[in-house]
Amino acid sequence: AIRYADQPDLPASSSWDDDVLLKDSIFIKIGQKLMRMRCEDILFVETAGNRYCKLTATSRMAHVRKTLGEIETRLQNYPFFRIHRSFLINLNHIEMIHPGDQIVQVGSHEVPIGESYRADFMNRIQKM
């Protein structure tokens, strides 16, 4: 689960069982440590199982125990866009769009564009 660090119900002696979202970063629990990942550095988020997602950033990757929809809600104030039922991308990291192949290059990664997301995605890109 992801929680805001400034939530009033977060006790000072929290065991940090959940991931924490700050204004510009997310802290992800890995073992007994918290790893900071800046939201602007996240390239894309991909589903990785039933209740897990993989966050791929410019210099690292992490798994979180959240659904893609839950992460999408938490990152709604950042330039992320759902382009496939399994992918959420950071629009600031798009390198190239291959509309014929329905692929977006995000950083050095190729991410598919879902057929049902294509029109909304292309409309959003044209407004940028």
N, C-alpha and C. Protein backbone atom coordinates (compact mmCIF):
# COMPACT_ATOMS: atom_id res chain seq x y z
N ALA A 1 0.84 -1.18 0.00
CA ALA A 1 0.00 0.00 0.00
C ALA A 1 0.87 1.23 0.00
N ILE A 2 0.39 2.29 -0.59
CA ILE A 2 1.10 3.57 -0.63
C ILE A 2 0.35 4.55 0.23
N ARG A 3 1.06 5.25 1.12
CA ARG A 3 0.43 6.25 1.96
C ARG A 3 1.20 7.55 1.83
N TYR A 4 0.50 8.67 2.01
CA TYR A 4 1.17 9.95 2.06
C TYR A 4 1.88 10.07 3.40
N ALA A 5 3.10 10.59 3.38
CA ALA A 5 3.89 10.70 4.60
C ALA A 5 3.28 11.68 5.59
N ASP A 6 2.52 12.65 5.11
CA ASP A 6 1.96 13.64 6.00
C ASP A 6 0.54 13.30 6.46
N GLN A 7 0.11 12.04 6.28
CA GLN A 7 -1.22 11.64 6.75
C GLN A 7 -1.26 11.74 8.27
N PRO A 8 -2.34 12.31 8.82
CA PRO A 8 -2.39 12.47 10.27
C PRO A 8 -2.46 11.15 11.02
N ASP A 9 -2.95 10.08 10.40
CA ASP A 9 -3.07 8.81 11.10
C ASP A 9 -1.82 7.95 11.00
N LEU A 10 -0.72 8.51 10.47
CA LEU A 10 0.53 7.77 10.37
C LEU A 10 1.29 7.96 11.68
N PRO A 11 1.35 6.93 12.52
CA PRO A 11 2.02 7.08 13.81
C PRO A 11 3.52 7.30 13.66
N ALA A 12 4.07 8.04 14.60
CA ALA A 12 5.50 8.34 14.56
C ALA A 12 6.33 7.07 14.66
N SER A 13 5.81 6.04 15.31
CA SER A 13 6.55 4.79 15.47
C SER A 13 6.13 3.75 14.45
N SER A 14 5.71 4.21 13.26
CA SER A 14 5.25 3.31 12.21
C SER A 14 6.32 2.29 11.86
N SER A 15 5.88 1.08 11.55
CA SER A 15 6.83 0.03 11.17
C SER A 15 7.14 0.10 9.68
N TRP A 16 6.57 1.09 8.97
CA TRP A 16 6.80 1.27 7.55
C TRP A 16 6.43 0.01 6.77
N ASP A 17 5.26 -0.55 7.07
CA ASP A 17 4.78 -1.72 6.35
C ASP A 17 4.38 -1.36 4.93
N ASP A 18 4.06 -0.10 4.68
CA ASP A 18 3.56 0.32 3.39
C ASP A 18 4.55 1.26 2.72
N ASP A 19 4.36 1.44 1.40
CA ASP A 19 5.14 2.42 0.66
C ASP A 19 4.57 3.79 0.98
N VAL A 20 5.40 4.83 0.89
CA VAL A 20 5.00 6.18 1.26
C VAL A 20 5.19 7.10 0.06
N LEU A 21 4.15 7.88 -0.27
CA LEU A 21 4.23 8.83 -1.38
C LEU A 21 4.35 10.24 -0.82
N LEU A 22 5.44 10.92 -1.18
CA LEU A 22 5.62 12.31 -0.81
C LEU A 22 5.18 13.17 -1.98
N LYS A 23 5.39 14.49 -1.88
CA LYS A 23 4.93 15.37 -2.94
C LYS A 23 5.64 15.11 -4.27
N ASP A 24 6.91 14.76 -4.24
CA ASP A 24 7.63 14.53 -5.50
C ASP A 24 8.30 13.17 -5.58
N SER A 25 8.16 12.36 -4.57
CA SER A 25 8.84 11.06 -4.53
C SER A 25 7.97 10.00 -3.89
N ILE A 26 8.33 8.78 -4.16
CA ILE A 26 7.70 7.65 -3.50
C ILE A 26 8.82 6.88 -2.81
N PHE A 27 8.58 6.48 -1.58
CA PHE A 27 9.50 5.63 -0.86
C PHE A 27 8.93 4.23 -0.87
N ILE A 28 9.70 3.29 -1.39
CA ILE A 28 9.25 1.92 -1.57
C ILE A 28 9.98 1.03 -0.58
N LYS A 29 9.21 0.24 0.13
CA LYS A 29 9.79 -0.65 1.13
C LYS A 29 10.44 -1.84 0.43
N ILE A 30 11.73 -2.01 0.70
CA ILE A 30 12.49 -3.15 0.18
C ILE A 30 13.18 -3.78 1.39
N GLY A 31 12.68 -4.95 1.80
CA GLY A 31 13.19 -5.57 3.01
C GLY A 31 12.88 -4.69 4.20
N GLN A 32 13.89 -4.29 4.94
CA GLN A 32 13.73 -3.41 6.10
C GLN A 32 14.10 -1.97 5.78
N LYS A 33 14.31 -1.65 4.49
CA LYS A 33 14.74 -0.31 4.10
C LYS A 33 13.70 0.34 3.20
N LEU A 34 13.79 1.65 3.09
CA LEU A 34 12.92 2.42 2.19
C LEU A 34 13.79 3.03 1.10
N MET A 35 13.42 2.77 -0.15
CA MET A 35 14.15 3.31 -1.29
C MET A 35 13.35 4.47 -1.87
N ARG A 36 14.01 5.61 -2.06
CA ARG A 36 13.35 6.78 -2.63
C ARG A 36 13.41 6.71 -4.15
N MET A 37 12.24 6.93 -4.78
CA MET A 37 12.17 7.01 -6.23
C MET A 37 11.41 8.28 -6.57
N ARG A 38 12.07 9.19 -7.27
CA ARG A 38 11.42 10.45 -7.65
C ARG A 38 10.38 10.17 -8.73
N CYS A 39 9.20 10.73 -8.60
CA CYS A 39 8.11 10.50 -9.56
C CYS A 39 8.52 10.92 -10.96
N GLU A 40 9.27 12.01 -11.08
CA GLU A 40 9.68 12.47 -12.41
C GLU A 40 10.69 11.53 -13.07
N ASP A 41 11.34 10.67 -12.29
CA ASP A 41 12.30 9.71 -12.84
C ASP A 41 11.65 8.40 -13.28
N ILE A 42 10.39 8.19 -12.89
CA ILE A 42 9.71 6.95 -13.27
C ILE A 42 9.39 7.02 -14.77
N LEU A 43 9.85 6.04 -15.51
CA LEU A 43 9.59 5.96 -16.95
C LEU A 43 8.20 5.40 -17.20
N PHE A 44 7.91 4.25 -16.57
CA PHE A 44 6.61 3.61 -16.73
C PHE A 44 6.36 2.64 -15.58
N VAL A 45 5.09 2.28 -15.46
CA VAL A 45 4.67 1.31 -14.46
C VAL A 45 3.98 0.18 -15.22
N GLU A 46 4.29 -1.05 -14.85
CA GLU A 46 3.77 -2.22 -15.55
C GLU A 46 3.20 -3.20 -14.53
N THR A 47 2.07 -3.81 -14.86
CA THR A 47 1.54 -4.84 -13.96
C THR A 47 2.51 -6.01 -13.95
N ALA A 48 2.65 -6.61 -12.79
CA ALA A 48 3.57 -7.75 -12.63
C ALA A 48 2.90 -8.79 -11.74
N GLY A 49 1.74 -9.23 -12.13
CA GLY A 49 1.01 -10.20 -11.31
C GLY A 49 -0.30 -9.62 -10.85
N ASN A 50 -0.96 -10.34 -9.99
CA ASN A 50 -2.30 -9.98 -9.56
C ASN A 50 -2.36 -8.68 -8.77
N ARG A 51 -1.51 -8.50 -7.78
CA ARG A 51 -1.54 -7.30 -6.93
C ARG A 51 -0.19 -6.60 -6.89
N TYR A 52 0.63 -6.80 -7.89
CA TYR A 52 1.96 -6.18 -7.91
C TYR A 52 2.16 -5.40 -9.19
N CYS A 53 3.01 -4.38 -9.09
CA CYS A 53 3.42 -3.61 -10.26
C CYS A 53 4.92 -3.40 -10.20
N LYS A 54 5.50 -3.26 -11.37
CA LYS A 54 6.93 -2.98 -11.50
C LYS A 54 7.08 -1.53 -11.94
N LEU A 55 7.80 -0.74 -11.16
CA LEU A 55 8.10 0.64 -11.49
C LEU A 55 9.49 0.67 -12.11
N THR A 56 9.58 1.16 -13.34
CA THR A 56 10.86 1.28 -14.01
C THR A 56 11.21 2.76 -14.09
N ALA A 57 12.35 3.10 -13.51
CA ALA A 57 12.81 4.49 -13.49
C ALA A 57 14.08 4.60 -14.32
N THR A 58 14.61 5.81 -14.41
CA THR A 58 15.79 6.05 -15.24
C THR A 58 16.99 5.24 -14.80
N SER A 59 17.13 4.99 -13.50
CA SER A 59 18.33 4.29 -13.03
C SER A 59 18.05 3.05 -12.18
N ARG A 60 16.77 2.72 -11.97
CA ARG A 60 16.47 1.55 -11.15
C ARG A 60 15.05 1.06 -11.40
N MET A 61 14.76 -0.07 -10.76
CA MET A 61 13.45 -0.69 -10.90
C MET A 61 13.04 -1.21 -9.53
N ALA A 62 11.73 -1.22 -9.28
CA ALA A 62 11.24 -1.71 -8.00
C ALA A 62 9.86 -2.31 -8.19
N HIS A 63 9.50 -3.25 -7.33
CA HIS A 63 8.17 -3.85 -7.32
C HIS A 63 7.40 -3.32 -6.12
N VAL A 64 6.12 -3.02 -6.33
CA VAL A 64 5.27 -2.56 -5.25
C VAL A 64 4.01 -3.41 -5.20
N ARG A 65 3.46 -3.56 -4.02
CA ARG A 65 2.24 -4.35 -3.84
C ARG A 65 1.03 -3.44 -3.96
N LYS A 66 0.76 -3.03 -5.18
CA LYS A 66 -0.38 -2.18 -5.52
C LYS A 66 -0.85 -2.56 -6.92
N THR A 67 -2.12 -2.31 -7.21
CA THR A 67 -2.61 -2.52 -8.57
C THR A 67 -2.23 -1.31 -9.42
N LEU A 68 -2.28 -1.48 -10.72
CA LEU A 68 -1.96 -0.38 -11.62
C LEU A 68 -2.96 0.77 -11.43
N GLY A 69 -4.21 0.44 -11.21
CA GLY A 69 -5.23 1.47 -10.97
C GLY A 69 -4.94 2.28 -9.72
N GLU A 70 -4.48 1.62 -8.68
CA GLU A 70 -4.15 2.33 -7.43
C GLU A 70 -2.95 3.26 -7.64
N ILE A 71 -1.96 2.80 -8.37
CA ILE A 71 -0.79 3.64 -8.65
C ILE A 71 -1.18 4.80 -9.55
N GLU A 72 -2.02 4.53 -10.54
CA GLU A 72 -2.49 5.59 -11.44
C GLU A 72 -3.20 6.69 -10.65
N THR A 73 -4.01 6.32 -9.69
CA THR A 73 -4.70 7.30 -8.84
C THR A 73 -3.70 8.12 -8.05
N ARG A 74 -2.69 7.48 -7.49
CA ARG A 74 -1.70 8.20 -6.69
C ARG A 74 -0.84 9.14 -7.51
N LEU A 75 -0.62 8.80 -8.79
CA LEU A 75 0.24 9.62 -9.65
C LEU A 75 -0.55 10.55 -10.55
N GLN A 76 -1.82 10.79 -10.23
CA GLN A 76 -2.68 11.59 -11.11
C GLN A 76 -2.23 13.04 -11.25
N ASN A 77 -1.42 13.55 -10.33
CA ASN A 77 -0.94 14.93 -10.42
C ASN A 77 0.36 15.04 -11.21
N TYR A 78 0.82 13.94 -11.76
CA TYR A 78 2.03 13.90 -12.56
C TYR A 78 1.64 13.53 -13.99
N PRO A 79 2.51 13.76 -14.96
CA PRO A 79 2.15 13.53 -16.37
C PRO A 79 2.19 12.05 -16.78
N PHE A 80 1.43 11.23 -16.08
CA PHE A 80 1.34 9.80 -16.42
C PHE A 80 0.06 9.55 -17.20
N PHE A 81 0.13 8.59 -18.12
CA PHE A 81 -1.02 8.27 -18.95
C PHE A 81 -1.10 6.77 -19.16
N ARG A 82 -2.29 6.23 -19.02
CA ARG A 82 -2.52 4.80 -19.21
C ARG A 82 -2.65 4.54 -20.71
N ILE A 83 -1.71 3.76 -21.28
CA ILE A 83 -1.76 3.49 -22.71
C ILE A 83 -2.08 2.03 -23.03
N HIS A 84 -2.23 1.23 -21.99
CA HIS A 84 -2.50 -0.20 -22.15
C HIS A 84 -3.06 -0.67 -20.83
N ARG A 85 -3.81 -1.75 -20.84
CA ARG A 85 -4.37 -2.22 -19.57
C ARG A 85 -3.28 -2.60 -18.57
N SER A 86 -2.06 -2.82 -19.07
CA SER A 86 -0.95 -3.22 -18.21
C SER A 86 0.15 -2.17 -18.07
N PHE A 87 -0.01 -1.00 -18.69
CA PHE A 87 1.07 0.00 -18.67
C PHE A 87 0.55 1.40 -18.42
N LEU A 88 1.31 2.13 -17.61
CA LEU A 88 1.12 3.54 -17.32
C LEU A 88 2.46 4.19 -17.63
N ILE A 89 2.49 5.20 -18.51
CA ILE A 89 3.77 5.80 -18.89
C ILE A 89 3.86 7.25 -18.43
N ASN A 90 5.10 7.70 -18.25
CA ASN A 90 5.37 9.10 -17.95
C ASN A 90 5.54 9.80 -19.30
N LEU A 91 4.64 10.71 -19.63
CA LEU A 91 4.66 11.39 -20.92
C LEU A 91 5.95 12.18 -21.14
N ASN A 92 6.59 12.62 -20.09
CA ASN A 92 7.83 13.39 -20.22
C ASN A 92 9.01 12.55 -20.70
N HIS A 93 8.88 11.23 -20.67
CA HIS A 93 9.98 10.35 -21.07
C HIS A 93 9.76 9.67 -22.42
N ILE A 94 8.75 10.11 -23.17
CA ILE A 94 8.52 9.52 -24.49
C ILE A 94 9.64 9.98 -25.43
N GLU A 95 10.28 9.01 -26.06
CA GLU A 95 11.33 9.30 -27.04
C GLU A 95 10.78 9.27 -28.45
N MET A 96 9.88 8.29 -28.72
CA MET A 96 9.35 8.13 -30.06
C MET A 96 8.03 7.37 -30.00
N ILE A 97 7.15 7.66 -30.96
CA ILE A 97 5.87 6.96 -31.06
C ILE A 97 5.81 6.30 -32.44
N HIS A 98 5.48 5.03 -32.46
CA HIS A 98 5.33 4.27 -33.71
C HIS A 98 3.85 3.91 -33.83
N PRO A 99 3.00 4.84 -34.34
CA PRO A 99 1.55 4.57 -34.37
C PRO A 99 1.17 3.33 -35.17
N GLY A 100 1.86 3.08 -36.29
CA GLY A 100 1.54 1.91 -37.10
C GLY A 100 1.79 0.60 -36.37
N ASP A 101 2.86 0.56 -35.58
CA ASP A 101 3.20 -0.64 -34.81
C ASP A 101 2.56 -0.63 -33.43
N GLN A 102 1.88 0.46 -33.09
CA GLN A 102 1.25 0.65 -31.79
C GLN A 102 2.26 0.45 -30.65
N ILE A 103 3.37 1.18 -30.78
CA ILE A 103 4.45 1.09 -29.77
C ILE A 103 4.90 2.50 -29.42
N VAL A 104 5.21 2.71 -28.15
CA VAL A 104 5.79 3.96 -27.67
C VAL A 104 7.15 3.61 -27.09
N GLN A 105 8.15 4.38 -27.47
CA GLN A 105 9.47 4.20 -26.89
C GLN A 105 9.58 5.15 -25.71
N VAL A 106 9.72 4.58 -24.52
CA VAL A 106 9.86 5.35 -23.29
C VAL A 106 11.25 5.07 -22.76
N GLY A 107 12.11 6.08 -22.81
CA GLY A 107 13.52 5.82 -22.52
C GLY A 107 14.03 4.86 -23.59
N SER A 108 14.64 3.77 -23.17
CA SER A 108 15.11 2.75 -24.13
C SER A 108 14.16 1.56 -24.21
N HIS A 109 12.97 1.69 -23.61
CA HIS A 109 12.01 0.59 -23.55
C HIS A 109 10.87 0.80 -24.55
N GLU A 110 10.40 -0.29 -25.14
CA GLU A 110 9.25 -0.23 -26.02
C GLU A 110 8.02 -0.71 -25.25
N VAL A 111 6.99 0.13 -25.24
CA VAL A 111 5.76 -0.14 -24.50
C VAL A 111 4.60 -0.19 -25.52
N PRO A 112 3.76 -1.23 -25.44
CA PRO A 112 2.66 -1.33 -26.40
C PRO A 112 1.54 -0.33 -26.11
N ILE A 113 0.88 0.10 -27.18
CA ILE A 113 -0.31 0.95 -27.05
C ILE A 113 -1.51 0.02 -27.22
N GLY A 114 -2.36 -0.06 -26.22
CA GLY A 114 -3.56 -0.88 -26.31
C GLY A 114 -4.55 -0.28 -27.30
N GLU A 115 -5.21 -1.12 -28.05
CA GLU A 115 -6.16 -0.65 -29.06
C GLU A 115 -7.22 0.27 -28.47
N SER A 116 -7.75 -0.07 -27.30
CA SER A 116 -8.81 0.75 -26.70
C SER A 116 -8.28 2.05 -26.08
N TYR A 117 -6.96 2.18 -25.95
CA TYR A 117 -6.36 3.39 -25.38
C TYR A 117 -5.76 4.31 -26.45
N ARG A 118 -5.66 3.82 -27.67
CA ARG A 118 -4.94 4.51 -28.74
C ARG A 118 -5.50 5.90 -29.05
N ALA A 119 -6.81 6.02 -29.27
CA ALA A 119 -7.40 7.30 -29.64
C ALA A 119 -7.20 8.35 -28.55
N ASP A 120 -7.45 7.98 -27.30
CA ASP A 120 -7.26 8.93 -26.18
C ASP A 120 -5.80 9.35 -26.07
N PHE A 121 -4.90 8.39 -26.26
CA PHE A 121 -3.46 8.69 -26.18
C PHE A 121 -3.05 9.66 -27.28
N MET A 122 -3.46 9.40 -28.51
CA MET A 122 -3.09 10.27 -29.62
C MET A 122 -3.68 11.67 -29.44
N ASN A 123 -4.92 11.76 -28.93
CA ASN A 123 -5.51 13.07 -28.62
C ASN A 123 -4.72 13.81 -27.56
N ARG A 124 -4.29 13.10 -26.54
CA ARG A 124 -3.50 13.72 -25.45
C ARG A 124 -2.15 14.22 -25.97
N ILE A 125 -1.51 13.44 -26.82
CA ILE A 125 -0.21 13.83 -27.37
C ILE A 125 -0.35 15.08 -28.24
N GLN A 126 -1.41 15.17 -29.00
CA GLN A 126 -1.60 16.32 -29.88
C GLN A 126 -1.85 17.60 -29.09
N LYS A 127 -2.34 17.47 -27.86
CA LYS A 127 -2.60 18.65 -27.01
C LYS A 127 -1.36 19.13 -26.30
N MET A 128 -0.29 18.36 -26.31
CA MET A 128 0.94 18.73 -25.59
C MET A 128 1.68 19.84 -26.29
